[in-house]
Amino acid sequence: MIAASVEAGDRLRLFCALRLPDDVLDRLVAWQGEHGLARAVPRRNLHLTLAFLGSRPAHELGVVADELAGAARAAGPIMLEPVRYRETRSVGMVVLADETGAATALADDLGARLERAGVYRREQRPWLPHVTVSRFRERPRLAPPPPPIGAFSPSDAAVYSSVLRPGGAEYEALESVALGGR
């Protein structure tokens, strides 16, 4: 559902993501605090991005949600597990092992569906299952162990809107869908 304030001619910064179960979110937040991560991503923004579409006309939301629903229905059982912490020039992330390959297959399927629909262009680099846990201007060069979460399955998938604010981006789930085996 689109918020009432979104007009047909408006643009939305959209992305599709797997949502994390509450207990996984709780443990990630505790781990962020234990390791003093700079500018920790707030609990409400922790997710596993499948596809970032960027600024899109608001009328495309329905197409994006339909393609996510189709890919999610076709997805096999997803099992993820934190394996390491990694930093890029601007973010810290927890890299996840995709034990069954089902999350990668979902990301690939979704990307192909969105491309066919004309609303997305896949990146050239391979998809990396990860959760962004901190953002920074200068790399702190931390090396914490991965969070002690163990293997888990995502709760569902959603199309999000990202609104940039002075204090950081705010994410809102606009549409959510169940995953294949659920």
N, C-alpha and C. Protein backbone atom coordinates (compact mmCIF):
# COMPACT_ATOMS: atom_id res chain seq x y z
N MET A 1 0.83 -1.18 0.00
CA MET A 1 0.00 0.00 0.00
C MET A 1 0.87 1.25 0.00
N ILE A 2 0.58 2.18 -0.86
CA ILE A 2 1.32 3.43 -0.95
C ILE A 2 0.73 4.39 0.06
N ALA A 3 1.60 5.09 0.76
CA ALA A 3 1.13 6.10 1.71
C ALA A 3 0.24 7.10 0.97
N ALA A 4 -0.77 7.61 1.65
CA ALA A 4 -1.74 8.52 1.03
C ALA A 4 -1.08 9.76 0.45
N SER A 5 0.09 10.14 0.95
CA SER A 5 0.74 11.36 0.48
C SER A 5 1.49 11.17 -0.84
N VAL A 6 1.57 9.94 -1.34
CA VAL A 6 2.29 9.70 -2.59
C VAL A 6 1.34 9.90 -3.76
N GLU A 7 1.68 10.83 -4.62
CA GLU A 7 0.88 11.12 -5.82
C GLU A 7 1.40 10.28 -6.98
N ALA A 8 0.57 10.10 -7.97
CA ALA A 8 0.92 9.27 -9.13
C ALA A 8 2.19 9.75 -9.82
N GLY A 9 2.44 11.04 -9.85
CA GLY A 9 3.63 11.58 -10.52
C GLY A 9 4.87 11.61 -9.65
N ASP A 10 4.73 11.25 -8.38
CA ASP A 10 5.87 11.28 -7.47
C ASP A 10 6.87 10.19 -7.80
N ARG A 11 8.06 10.34 -7.23
CA ARG A 11 9.10 9.33 -7.37
C ARG A 11 9.40 8.75 -5.99
N LEU A 12 9.78 7.49 -5.99
CA LEU A 12 10.12 6.79 -4.75
C LEU A 12 11.49 6.16 -4.93
N ARG A 13 12.31 6.19 -3.87
CA ARG A 13 13.56 5.43 -3.87
C ARG A 13 13.19 4.04 -3.37
N LEU A 14 13.24 3.05 -4.26
CA LEU A 14 12.75 1.72 -3.94
C LEU A 14 13.87 0.69 -3.85
N PHE A 15 13.66 -0.28 -2.96
CA PHE A 15 14.50 -1.47 -2.95
C PHE A 15 13.68 -2.64 -2.44
N CYS A 16 14.09 -3.84 -2.81
CA CYS A 16 13.45 -5.07 -2.35
C CYS A 16 14.42 -5.76 -1.41
N ALA A 17 13.89 -6.30 -0.32
CA ALA A 17 14.76 -6.89 0.69
C ALA A 17 14.08 -8.04 1.43
N LEU A 18 14.92 -8.88 2.00
CA LEU A 18 14.45 -9.90 2.94
C LEU A 18 14.40 -9.26 4.31
N ARG A 19 13.33 -9.51 5.03
CA ARG A 19 13.21 -8.99 6.40
C ARG A 19 13.72 -10.05 7.36
N LEU A 20 14.27 -9.58 8.45
CA LEU A 20 14.89 -10.46 9.43
C LEU A 20 13.95 -10.69 10.61
N PRO A 21 13.94 -11.91 11.15
CA PRO A 21 13.09 -12.21 12.31
C PRO A 21 13.49 -11.35 13.51
N ASP A 22 12.52 -11.11 14.39
CA ASP A 22 12.76 -10.27 15.58
C ASP A 22 13.94 -10.75 16.42
N ASP A 23 14.07 -12.06 16.64
CA ASP A 23 15.17 -12.53 17.49
C ASP A 23 16.52 -12.27 16.83
N VAL A 24 16.60 -12.35 15.51
CA VAL A 24 17.85 -12.04 14.79
C VAL A 24 18.14 -10.55 14.91
N LEU A 25 17.12 -9.72 14.75
CA LEU A 25 17.31 -8.27 14.91
C LEU A 25 17.80 -7.94 16.31
N ASP A 26 17.21 -8.57 17.32
CA ASP A 26 17.63 -8.33 18.71
C ASP A 26 19.11 -8.66 18.89
N ARG A 27 19.54 -9.79 18.36
CA ARG A 27 20.93 -10.21 18.52
C ARG A 27 21.89 -9.34 17.73
N LEU A 28 21.47 -8.89 16.54
CA LEU A 28 22.31 -7.98 15.77
C LEU A 28 22.51 -6.66 16.49
N VAL A 29 21.45 -6.13 17.04
CA VAL A 29 21.54 -4.85 17.76
C VAL A 29 22.44 -5.00 18.99
N ALA A 30 22.30 -6.08 19.73
CA ALA A 30 23.18 -6.32 20.88
C ALA A 30 24.63 -6.41 20.44
N TRP A 31 24.88 -7.10 19.35
CA TRP A 31 26.24 -7.26 18.81
C TRP A 31 26.81 -5.91 18.37
N GLN A 32 25.98 -5.08 17.73
CA GLN A 32 26.43 -3.74 17.32
C GLN A 32 26.92 -2.96 18.55
N GLY A 33 26.14 -3.03 19.64
CA GLY A 33 26.51 -2.31 20.86
C GLY A 33 27.76 -2.86 21.51
N GLU A 34 27.91 -4.17 21.53
CA GLU A 34 29.08 -4.80 22.14
C GLU A 34 30.37 -4.42 21.42
N HIS A 35 30.29 -4.15 20.12
CA HIS A 35 31.49 -3.88 19.34
C HIS A 35 31.64 -2.41 18.97
N GLY A 36 30.81 -1.55 19.54
CA GLY A 36 30.95 -0.11 19.37
C GLY A 36 31.01 0.34 17.92
N LEU A 37 30.13 -0.18 17.09
CA LEU A 37 30.15 0.17 15.68
C LEU A 37 29.78 1.64 15.49
N ALA A 38 30.57 2.33 14.67
CA ALA A 38 30.31 3.74 14.37
C ALA A 38 29.01 3.86 13.59
N ARG A 39 28.19 4.81 13.96
CA ARG A 39 26.91 5.06 13.28
C ARG A 39 26.19 3.77 12.95
N ALA A 40 25.89 3.02 13.99
CA ALA A 40 25.18 1.75 13.81
C ALA A 40 23.85 1.97 13.10
N VAL A 41 23.54 1.10 12.17
CA VAL A 41 22.25 1.14 11.48
C VAL A 41 21.18 0.79 12.51
N PRO A 42 20.12 1.62 12.61
CA PRO A 42 19.07 1.33 13.59
C PRO A 42 18.35 0.02 13.29
N ARG A 43 17.84 -0.59 14.32
CA ARG A 43 17.14 -1.88 14.22
C ARG A 43 16.09 -1.87 13.11
N ARG A 44 15.31 -0.80 13.03
CA ARG A 44 14.22 -0.72 12.06
C ARG A 44 14.72 -0.72 10.61
N ASN A 45 16.02 -0.44 10.39
CA ASN A 45 16.58 -0.38 9.04
C ASN A 45 17.42 -1.61 8.68
N LEU A 46 17.56 -2.57 9.58
CA LEU A 46 18.37 -3.76 9.28
C LEU A 46 17.57 -4.69 8.37
N HIS A 47 18.18 -5.12 7.29
CA HIS A 47 17.52 -5.97 6.29
C HIS A 47 18.60 -6.58 5.39
N LEU A 48 18.18 -7.40 4.47
CA LEU A 48 19.08 -8.02 3.49
C LEU A 48 18.60 -7.63 2.10
N THR A 49 19.27 -6.67 1.47
CA THR A 49 18.83 -6.15 0.18
C THR A 49 18.94 -7.21 -0.91
N LEU A 50 17.86 -7.35 -1.67
CA LEU A 50 17.85 -8.24 -2.84
C LEU A 50 18.12 -7.44 -4.11
N ALA A 51 17.52 -6.24 -4.21
CA ALA A 51 17.68 -5.39 -5.40
C ALA A 51 17.41 -3.94 -5.01
N PHE A 52 18.34 -3.04 -5.35
CA PHE A 52 18.13 -1.62 -5.12
C PHE A 52 17.78 -0.98 -6.46
N LEU A 53 16.57 -0.44 -6.54
CA LEU A 53 16.09 0.12 -7.81
C LEU A 53 16.38 1.61 -7.93
N GLY A 54 16.59 2.30 -6.82
CA GLY A 54 16.81 3.74 -6.87
C GLY A 54 15.52 4.49 -7.08
N SER A 55 15.64 5.71 -7.58
CA SER A 55 14.49 6.58 -7.78
C SER A 55 13.66 6.08 -8.95
N ARG A 56 12.39 5.77 -8.68
CA ARG A 56 11.48 5.23 -9.68
C ARG A 56 10.16 5.98 -9.61
N PRO A 57 9.43 6.08 -10.73
CA PRO A 57 8.10 6.68 -10.68
C PRO A 57 7.21 5.87 -9.73
N ALA A 58 6.41 6.55 -8.95
CA ALA A 58 5.55 5.88 -7.96
C ALA A 58 4.62 4.86 -8.59
N HIS A 59 4.20 5.10 -9.83
CA HIS A 59 3.27 4.17 -10.47
C HIS A 59 3.90 2.80 -10.73
N GLU A 60 5.24 2.67 -10.63
CA GLU A 60 5.90 1.38 -10.84
C GLU A 60 5.87 0.49 -9.59
N LEU A 61 5.44 1.03 -8.47
CA LEU A 61 5.42 0.25 -7.23
C LEU A 61 4.65 -1.05 -7.40
N GLY A 62 3.51 -1.01 -8.05
CA GLY A 62 2.70 -2.21 -8.23
C GLY A 62 3.44 -3.28 -9.03
N VAL A 63 4.15 -2.86 -10.07
CA VAL A 63 4.93 -3.81 -10.89
C VAL A 63 6.03 -4.43 -10.04
N VAL A 64 6.74 -3.60 -9.29
CA VAL A 64 7.83 -4.10 -8.44
C VAL A 64 7.28 -5.09 -7.41
N ALA A 65 6.17 -4.73 -6.77
CA ALA A 65 5.57 -5.62 -5.77
C ALA A 65 5.12 -6.94 -6.39
N ASP A 66 4.54 -6.89 -7.59
CA ASP A 66 4.10 -8.12 -8.27
C ASP A 66 5.29 -9.01 -8.60
N GLU A 67 6.37 -8.43 -9.09
CA GLU A 67 7.55 -9.23 -9.44
C GLU A 67 8.20 -9.82 -8.19
N LEU A 68 8.24 -9.05 -7.10
CA LEU A 68 8.77 -9.60 -5.85
C LEU A 68 7.89 -10.75 -5.37
N ALA A 69 6.58 -10.60 -5.46
CA ALA A 69 5.67 -11.66 -5.02
C ALA A 69 5.89 -12.93 -5.84
N GLY A 70 6.05 -12.79 -7.15
CA GLY A 70 6.29 -13.96 -8.00
C GLY A 70 7.59 -14.65 -7.66
N ALA A 71 8.65 -13.87 -7.47
CA ALA A 71 9.96 -14.46 -7.13
C ALA A 71 9.91 -15.09 -5.74
N ALA A 72 9.23 -14.46 -4.79
CA ALA A 72 9.15 -14.99 -3.43
C ALA A 72 8.37 -16.30 -3.40
N ARG A 73 7.29 -16.39 -4.17
CA ARG A 73 6.51 -17.64 -4.23
C ARG A 73 7.36 -18.78 -4.77
N ALA A 74 8.24 -18.48 -5.72
CA ALA A 74 9.07 -19.51 -6.37
C ALA A 74 10.30 -19.87 -5.54
N ALA A 75 10.59 -19.11 -4.50
CA ALA A 75 11.82 -19.31 -3.73
C ALA A 75 11.77 -20.60 -2.92
N GLY A 76 12.91 -21.26 -2.86
CA GLY A 76 13.05 -22.42 -1.99
C GLY A 76 13.32 -21.97 -0.57
N PRO A 77 13.41 -22.91 0.36
CA PRO A 77 13.69 -22.56 1.76
C PRO A 77 15.05 -21.88 1.89
N ILE A 78 15.07 -20.73 2.52
CA ILE A 78 16.29 -19.94 2.67
C ILE A 78 16.85 -20.14 4.07
N MET A 79 18.14 -20.42 4.13
CA MET A 79 18.84 -20.57 5.42
C MET A 79 20.14 -19.75 5.31
N LEU A 80 20.26 -18.78 6.19
CA LEU A 80 21.42 -17.88 6.20
C LEU A 80 22.15 -17.99 7.53
N GLU A 81 23.46 -17.69 7.50
CA GLU A 81 24.23 -17.70 8.74
C GLU A 81 25.38 -16.70 8.64
N PRO A 82 25.55 -15.84 9.67
CA PRO A 82 26.66 -14.88 9.67
C PRO A 82 28.00 -15.61 9.64
N VAL A 83 28.91 -15.14 8.75
CA VAL A 83 30.22 -15.77 8.66
C VAL A 83 31.38 -14.81 8.91
N ARG A 84 31.17 -13.51 8.64
CA ARG A 84 32.27 -12.56 8.88
C ARG A 84 31.76 -11.13 8.83
N TYR A 85 32.58 -10.25 9.40
CA TYR A 85 32.35 -8.81 9.31
C TYR A 85 33.24 -8.30 8.19
N ARG A 86 32.72 -7.34 7.40
CA ARG A 86 33.49 -6.78 6.29
C ARG A 86 33.21 -5.28 6.22
N GLU A 87 34.25 -4.52 5.86
CA GLU A 87 34.07 -3.08 5.66
C GLU A 87 34.38 -2.71 4.22
N THR A 88 33.59 -1.77 3.71
CA THR A 88 33.91 -1.12 2.43
C THR A 88 34.33 0.30 2.80
N ARG A 89 34.42 1.18 1.83
CA ARG A 89 34.86 2.55 2.16
C ARG A 89 33.84 3.31 3.00
N SER A 90 32.54 2.86 2.99
CA SER A 90 31.54 3.64 3.71
C SER A 90 30.60 2.83 4.61
N VAL A 91 30.67 1.51 4.57
CA VAL A 91 29.78 0.71 5.40
C VAL A 91 30.49 -0.49 6.02
N GLY A 92 29.94 -0.91 7.17
CA GLY A 92 30.34 -2.17 7.78
C GLY A 92 29.18 -3.13 7.60
N MET A 93 29.49 -4.38 7.29
CA MET A 93 28.42 -5.35 7.02
C MET A 93 28.75 -6.69 7.64
N VAL A 94 27.69 -7.44 7.89
CA VAL A 94 27.82 -8.83 8.29
C VAL A 94 27.51 -9.65 7.04
N VAL A 95 28.51 -10.38 6.57
CA VAL A 95 28.35 -11.23 5.39
C VAL A 95 27.71 -12.54 5.84
N LEU A 96 26.77 -13.01 5.05
CA LEU A 96 26.02 -14.22 5.39
C LEU A 96 26.32 -15.35 4.42
N ALA A 97 26.43 -16.55 4.95
CA ALA A 97 26.51 -17.74 4.11
C ALA A 97 25.09 -18.09 3.69
N ASP A 98 24.91 -18.35 2.42
CA ASP A 98 23.62 -18.76 1.87
C ASP A 98 23.69 -20.28 1.74
N GLU A 99 23.37 -20.97 2.82
CA GLU A 99 23.62 -22.39 2.94
C GLU A 99 22.99 -23.24 1.84
N THR A 100 21.80 -22.90 1.41
CA THR A 100 21.13 -23.70 0.38
C THR A 100 21.25 -23.09 -1.01
N GLY A 101 21.73 -21.85 -1.09
CA GLY A 101 21.77 -21.14 -2.37
C GLY A 101 20.44 -20.52 -2.74
N ALA A 102 19.43 -20.71 -1.90
CA ALA A 102 18.09 -20.22 -2.22
C ALA A 102 17.97 -18.70 -2.19
N ALA A 103 18.71 -18.03 -1.31
CA ALA A 103 18.66 -16.57 -1.27
C ALA A 103 19.28 -15.99 -2.54
N THR A 104 20.39 -16.56 -2.98
CA THR A 104 21.03 -16.11 -4.21
C THR A 104 20.11 -16.37 -5.40
N ALA A 105 19.47 -17.54 -5.43
CA ALA A 105 18.53 -17.85 -6.51
C ALA A 105 17.36 -16.86 -6.50
N LEU A 106 16.88 -16.48 -5.32
CA LEU A 106 15.80 -15.50 -5.22
C LEU A 106 16.26 -14.15 -5.75
N ALA A 107 17.45 -13.70 -5.34
CA ALA A 107 17.97 -12.41 -5.82
C ALA A 107 18.13 -12.43 -7.34
N ASP A 108 18.65 -13.53 -7.89
CA ASP A 108 18.83 -13.65 -9.34
C ASP A 108 17.48 -13.64 -10.07
N ASP A 109 16.53 -14.42 -9.55
CA ASP A 109 15.20 -14.49 -10.15
C ASP A 109 14.52 -13.13 -10.11
N LEU A 110 14.57 -12.48 -8.96
CA LEU A 110 13.96 -11.16 -8.83
C LEU A 110 14.59 -10.17 -9.79
N GLY A 111 15.93 -10.17 -9.86
CA GLY A 111 16.62 -9.25 -10.77
C GLY A 111 16.18 -9.46 -12.21
N ALA A 112 16.09 -10.72 -12.63
CA ALA A 112 15.67 -11.02 -14.00
C ALA A 112 14.23 -10.57 -14.24
N ARG A 113 13.35 -10.81 -13.28
CA ARG A 113 11.95 -10.40 -13.42
C ARG A 113 11.83 -8.88 -13.52
N LEU A 114 12.55 -8.16 -12.66
CA LEU A 114 12.50 -6.70 -12.66
C LEU A 114 13.09 -6.13 -13.94
N GLU A 115 14.14 -6.77 -14.46
CA GLU A 115 14.72 -6.32 -15.74
C GLU A 115 13.72 -6.50 -16.88
N ARG A 116 13.09 -7.67 -16.93
CA ARG A 116 12.09 -7.92 -17.97
C ARG A 116 10.94 -6.92 -17.89
N ALA A 117 10.62 -6.50 -16.68
CA ALA A 117 9.54 -5.52 -16.50
C ALA A 117 10.00 -4.09 -16.84
N GLY A 118 11.31 -3.91 -17.07
CA GLY A 118 11.84 -2.60 -17.46
C GLY A 118 12.01 -1.62 -16.32
N VAL A 119 12.11 -2.12 -15.07
CA VAL A 119 12.22 -1.21 -13.92
C VAL A 119 13.55 -1.33 -13.18
N TYR A 120 14.48 -2.13 -13.72
CA TYR A 120 15.71 -2.43 -12.98
C TYR A 120 16.80 -2.86 -13.94
N ARG A 121 18.02 -2.57 -13.54
CA ARG A 121 19.18 -3.05 -14.27
C ARG A 121 20.15 -3.63 -13.25
N ARG A 122 20.44 -4.91 -13.39
CA ARG A 122 21.31 -5.59 -12.41
C ARG A 122 22.73 -5.06 -12.45
N GLU A 123 23.36 -5.12 -11.28
CA GLU A 123 24.77 -4.76 -11.19
C GLU A 123 25.61 -5.85 -11.85
N GLN A 124 26.82 -5.50 -12.27
CA GLN A 124 27.71 -6.47 -12.91
C GLN A 124 28.34 -7.43 -11.90
N ARG A 125 28.55 -6.94 -10.69
CA ARG A 125 29.17 -7.80 -9.67
C ARG A 125 28.14 -8.78 -9.12
N PRO A 126 28.62 -9.93 -8.65
CA PRO A 126 27.68 -10.92 -8.10
C PRO A 126 27.04 -10.40 -6.81
N TRP A 127 25.82 -10.85 -6.57
CA TRP A 127 25.08 -10.48 -5.36
C TRP A 127 25.78 -11.08 -4.14
N LEU A 128 25.90 -10.30 -3.10
CA LEU A 128 26.54 -10.74 -1.86
C LEU A 128 25.52 -10.67 -0.73
N PRO A 129 25.13 -11.81 -0.15
CA PRO A 129 24.18 -11.74 0.96
C PRO A 129 24.84 -11.10 2.18
N HIS A 130 24.28 -9.98 2.63
CA HIS A 130 24.85 -9.27 3.78
C HIS A 130 23.81 -8.35 4.40
N VAL A 131 24.09 -7.97 5.63
CA VAL A 131 23.28 -6.98 6.35
C VAL A 131 24.21 -5.82 6.67
N THR A 132 23.88 -4.62 6.20
CA THR A 132 24.67 -3.44 6.54
C THR A 132 24.37 -3.08 7.99
N VAL A 133 25.42 -3.01 8.81
CA VAL A 133 25.24 -2.78 10.25
C VAL A 133 25.79 -1.44 10.72
N SER A 134 26.62 -0.78 9.89
CA SER A 134 27.11 0.55 10.26
C SER A 134 27.49 1.33 9.02
N ARG A 135 27.50 2.64 9.17
CA ARG A 135 27.90 3.55 8.08
C ARG A 135 28.94 4.49 8.66
N PHE A 136 29.87 4.93 7.83
CA PHE A 136 30.91 5.83 8.32
C PHE A 136 31.51 6.64 7.19
N ARG A 137 32.19 7.72 7.58
CA ARG A 137 32.90 8.56 6.61
C ARG A 137 34.33 8.05 6.44
N GLU A 138 34.92 7.60 7.53
CA GLU A 138 36.27 7.03 7.48
C GLU A 138 36.23 5.62 8.03
N ARG A 139 36.85 4.70 7.32
CA ARG A 139 36.85 3.30 7.75
C ARG A 139 37.49 3.16 9.11
N PRO A 140 36.77 2.58 10.06
CA PRO A 140 37.36 2.37 11.38
C PRO A 140 38.31 1.17 11.43
N ARG A 141 38.26 0.34 10.39
CA ARG A 141 39.12 -0.85 10.30
C ARG A 141 38.93 -1.77 11.51
N LEU A 142 37.67 -2.05 11.79
CA LEU A 142 37.33 -2.97 12.86
C LEU A 142 37.40 -4.41 12.35
N ALA A 143 37.50 -5.34 13.26
CA ALA A 143 37.53 -6.76 12.88
C ALA A 143 36.81 -7.61 13.92
N PRO A 144 35.55 -7.25 14.25
CA PRO A 144 34.84 -8.05 15.25
C PRO A 144 34.49 -9.43 14.69
N PRO A 145 34.29 -10.38 15.58
CA PRO A 145 33.83 -11.69 15.11
C PRO A 145 32.39 -11.55 14.60
N PRO A 146 31.93 -12.50 13.79
CA PRO A 146 30.53 -12.40 13.35
C PRO A 146 29.59 -12.54 14.54
N PRO A 147 28.41 -11.96 14.44
CA PRO A 147 27.47 -12.07 15.55
C PRO A 147 27.08 -13.53 15.80
N PRO A 148 26.94 -13.92 17.07
CA PRO A 148 26.61 -15.30 17.40
C PRO A 148 25.11 -15.57 17.25
N ILE A 149 24.67 -15.58 16.02
CA ILE A 149 23.25 -15.73 15.74
C ILE A 149 22.91 -17.17 15.35
N GLY A 150 23.83 -17.82 14.65
CA GLY A 150 23.53 -19.14 14.12
C GLY A 150 22.69 -19.03 12.85
N ALA A 151 22.31 -20.16 12.30
CA ALA A 151 21.54 -20.18 11.07
C ALA A 151 20.11 -19.70 11.33
N PHE A 152 19.56 -18.99 10.36
CA PHE A 152 18.20 -18.47 10.48
C PHE A 152 17.56 -18.36 9.11
N SER A 153 16.25 -18.27 9.09
CA SER A 153 15.49 -18.04 7.86
C SER A 153 14.86 -16.65 7.94
N PRO A 154 14.86 -15.91 6.82
CA PRO A 154 14.21 -14.60 6.82
C PRO A 154 12.72 -14.75 7.11
N SER A 155 12.11 -13.70 7.65
CA SER A 155 10.69 -13.76 7.99
C SER A 155 9.82 -13.60 6.75
N ASP A 156 10.18 -12.71 5.84
CA ASP A 156 9.45 -12.48 4.60
C ASP A 156 10.27 -11.53 3.74
N ALA A 157 9.68 -11.06 2.65
CA ALA A 157 10.35 -10.10 1.76
C ALA A 157 9.45 -8.89 1.62
N ALA A 158 10.04 -7.74 1.30
CA ALA A 158 9.25 -6.52 1.19
C ALA A 158 9.84 -5.58 0.16
N VAL A 159 8.96 -4.73 -0.39
CA VAL A 159 9.38 -3.58 -1.19
C VAL A 159 9.41 -2.41 -0.22
N TYR A 160 10.55 -1.74 -0.18
CA TYR A 160 10.75 -0.62 0.72
C TYR A 160 10.88 0.68 -0.05
N SER A 161 10.51 1.75 0.63
CA SER A 161 10.81 3.10 0.18
C SER A 161 11.89 3.64 1.11
N SER A 162 12.88 4.29 0.53
CA SER A 162 13.95 4.89 1.31
C SER A 162 13.85 6.40 1.16
N VAL A 163 13.66 7.09 2.28
CA VAL A 163 13.57 8.54 2.28
C VAL A 163 14.82 9.08 2.96
N LEU A 164 15.56 9.92 2.23
CA LEU A 164 16.79 10.48 2.79
C LEU A 164 16.45 11.66 3.69
N ARG A 165 16.96 11.62 4.90
CA ARG A 165 16.75 12.67 5.90
C ARG A 165 18.12 13.13 6.40
N PRO A 166 18.20 14.32 7.02
CA PRO A 166 19.48 14.80 7.54
C PRO A 166 20.12 13.81 8.53
N GLY A 167 19.30 13.09 9.31
CA GLY A 167 19.83 12.14 10.28
C GLY A 167 20.07 10.75 9.72
N GLY A 168 19.85 10.57 8.42
CA GLY A 168 20.02 9.26 7.79
C GLY A 168 18.75 8.83 7.09
N ALA A 169 18.87 7.77 6.33
CA ALA A 169 17.73 7.27 5.58
C ALA A 169 16.70 6.63 6.50
N GLU A 170 15.44 6.79 6.14
CA GLU A 170 14.34 6.10 6.83
C GLU A 170 13.72 5.15 5.83
N TYR A 171 13.54 3.90 6.24
CA TYR A 171 12.97 2.89 5.37
C TYR A 171 11.56 2.56 5.81
N GLU A 172 10.68 2.42 4.82
CA GLU A 172 9.30 2.03 5.10
C GLU A 172 8.93 0.87 4.19
N ALA A 173 8.48 -0.22 4.78
CA ALA A 173 8.00 -1.36 3.99
C ALA A 173 6.64 -0.98 3.40
N LEU A 174 6.55 -0.96 2.08
CA LEU A 174 5.30 -0.58 1.41
C LEU A 174 4.43 -1.79 1.10
N GLU A 175 5.07 -2.89 0.76
CA GLU A 175 4.37 -4.15 0.45
C GLU A 175 5.24 -5.28 0.98
N SER A 176 4.64 -6.29 1.62
CA SER A 176 5.42 -7.44 2.05
C SER A 176 4.77 -8.70 1.51
N VAL A 177 5.60 -9.73 1.31
CA VAL A 177 5.12 -11.00 0.76
C VAL A 177 5.78 -12.15 1.49
N ALA A 178 5.06 -13.25 1.62
CA ALA A 178 5.61 -14.46 2.23
C ALA A 178 6.58 -15.11 1.25
N LEU A 179 7.50 -15.88 1.81
CA LEU A 179 8.47 -16.61 0.99
C LEU A 179 7.93 -17.99 0.67
N GLY A 180 8.45 -18.60 -0.40
CA GLY A 180 8.06 -19.90 -0.91
C GLY A 180 7.51 -20.91 0.05
N GLY A 181 8.29 -21.47 0.92
CA GLY A 181 7.85 -22.56 1.75
C GLY A 181 7.01 -22.17 2.95
N ARG A 182 6.48 -20.96 2.99
CA ARG A 182 5.75 -20.50 4.20
C ARG A 182 4.28 -20.35 3.93
